[in-house]
Amino acid sequence: MAGTIKRTAGPLALTTTLTTNVYNQSSALIYDVIRQIHIANKTGSAATFTLYLGGTGANSAGTELWLGQSIAANSEFNWYGVLKMISTDFLVGGSNTATALTITIMGEQYVV
């Protein structure tokens, strides 16, 4: 079964609230496979981001994907991999600097 390639989330400016839901797909009939997470720093200063994989609005210990990951001024962070997301999975996080970082998530969507 082939998936549909799509922009899964974003572009979205990360805020300083580390419990912000960055991504969730709420249908139990669909799952997404995240292939790329792209975060751009549009400012002249370094900024950090933190992302968790867990429940809605939660950033529990042990669910960190990246914790205080620094992105240089006017630079970007790219992660390529395979991360299956079902309807109960949330990407949650934020930045140390309001709206300095913009996140875009790319992947594939599958119907169960």
Protein backbone atom coordinates (compact mmCIF):
# COMPACT_ATOMS: atom_id res chain seq x y z
CA MET A 1 0.00 0.00 0.00
CA ALA A 2 1.43 3.36 -1.03
CA GLY A 3 1.20 6.42 1.15
CA THR A 4 0.39 9.94 0.12
CA ILE A 5 3.36 12.31 0.35
CA LYS A 6 2.37 15.49 2.16
CA ARG A 7 3.42 18.38 4.34
CA THR A 8 2.35 16.91 7.64
CA ALA A 9 2.55 20.13 9.67
CA GLY A 10 3.72 23.72 9.39
CA PRO A 11 5.25 26.02 8.69
CA LEU A 12 4.59 26.94 12.31
CA ALA A 13 6.46 29.43 14.51
CA LEU A 14 7.56 27.75 17.74
CA THR A 15 6.69 29.64 20.91
CA THR A 16 8.33 29.62 24.33
CA THR A 17 5.62 27.31 25.69
CA LEU A 18 7.24 23.86 25.68
CA THR A 19 3.86 22.14 26.05
CA THR A 20 2.51 23.38 22.70
CA ASN A 21 1.06 20.70 20.44
CA VAL A 22 3.15 21.00 17.28
CA TYR A 23 1.57 18.04 15.51
CA ASN A 24 -1.24 15.52 15.93
CA GLN A 25 -3.37 13.67 13.46
CA SER A 26 -6.59 12.72 15.29
CA SER A 27 -8.14 10.06 13.04
CA ALA A 28 -7.77 6.44 14.14
CA LEU A 29 -8.26 5.50 10.47
CA ILE A 30 -5.03 7.21 9.36
CA TYR A 31 -1.41 7.13 10.41
CA ASP A 32 1.48 9.31 9.31
CA VAL A 33 5.12 8.46 8.78
CA ILE A 34 7.28 11.50 9.43
CA ARG A 35 10.30 11.53 7.11
CA GLN A 36 11.69 15.02 7.73
CA ILE A 37 11.58 17.65 10.44
CA HIS A 38 12.93 20.99 9.22
CA ILE A 39 13.44 23.89 11.64
CA ALA A 40 14.67 27.26 10.39
CA ASN A 41 16.17 29.98 12.58
CA LYS A 42 15.22 33.27 10.95
CA THR A 43 17.02 35.48 13.47
CA GLY A 44 20.55 36.82 13.90
CA SER A 45 21.03 34.93 17.17
CA ALA A 46 21.25 31.25 18.07
CA ALA A 47 18.04 29.68 19.40
CA THR A 48 17.17 26.31 20.88
CA PHE A 49 14.22 23.99 20.50
CA THR A 50 12.85 21.05 22.44
CA LEU A 51 10.51 18.38 21.04
CA TYR A 52 8.75 15.57 22.89
CA LEU A 53 6.82 12.56 21.60
CA GLY A 54 3.93 11.91 23.94
CA GLY A 55 0.47 12.96 24.98
CA THR A 56 -1.31 16.21 24.25
CA GLY A 57 0.26 19.22 25.96
CA ALA A 58 2.68 16.98 27.85
CA ASN A 59 6.45 17.09 28.11
CA SER A 60 7.13 14.23 30.51
CA ALA A 61 10.63 13.03 31.37
CA GLY A 62 11.66 10.20 29.10
CA THR A 63 9.69 11.43 26.07
CA GLU A 64 12.29 13.89 24.77
CA LEU A 65 13.32 13.66 21.12
CA TRP A 66 15.52 16.79 21.28
CA LEU A 67 16.19 18.79 24.43
CA GLY A 68 17.68 22.28 24.08
CA GLN A 69 18.96 21.57 20.56
CA SER A 70 20.76 24.69 19.35
CA ILE A 71 20.37 26.16 15.87
CA ALA A 72 22.87 28.82 14.83
CA ALA A 73 21.76 32.26 13.65
CA ASN A 74 20.21 32.28 10.17
CA SER A 75 20.64 28.53 9.93
CA GLU A 76 18.54 25.38 9.93
CA PHE A 77 18.17 21.94 11.50
CA ASN A 78 17.08 18.93 9.45
CA TRP A 79 16.23 15.47 10.71
CA TYR A 80 15.59 12.65 8.26
CA GLY A 81 14.26 9.32 9.43
CA VAL A 82 11.15 7.25 9.94
CA LEU A 83 8.73 8.05 12.77
CA LYS A 84 5.27 6.46 12.71
CA MET A 85 2.58 8.66 14.28
CA ILE A 86 -0.85 7.30 15.22
CA SER A 87 -3.85 9.27 16.43
CA THR A 88 -2.75 9.18 20.08
CA ASP A 89 0.77 10.49 19.36
CA PHE A 90 1.61 14.16 19.70
CA LEU A 91 4.76 16.11 18.87
CA VAL A 92 4.95 18.70 21.62
CA GLY A 93 7.51 21.42 22.18
CA GLY A 94 8.76 24.91 21.65
CA SER A 95 11.75 27.22 21.60
CA ASN A 96 13.70 29.34 24.05
CA THR A 97 12.98 32.41 21.89
CA ALA A 98 9.43 33.27 20.80
CA THR A 99 8.89 32.93 17.04
CA ALA A 100 12.62 32.71 16.18
CA LEU A 101 12.22 29.16 14.89
CA THR A 102 9.82 27.87 12.26
CA ILE A 103 9.08 24.14 12.02
CA THR A 104 7.87 22.23 8.97
CA ILE A 105 7.21 18.48 9.02
CA MET A 106 7.09 16.33 5.88
CA GLY A 107 6.01 12.73 5.53
CA GLU A 108 3.57 10.23 4.17
CA GLN A 109 -0.02 9.48 5.17
CA TYR A 110 -1.59 6.04 5.10
CA VAL A 111 -5.18 4.86 5.48
CA VAL A 112 -5.57 1.91 7.85
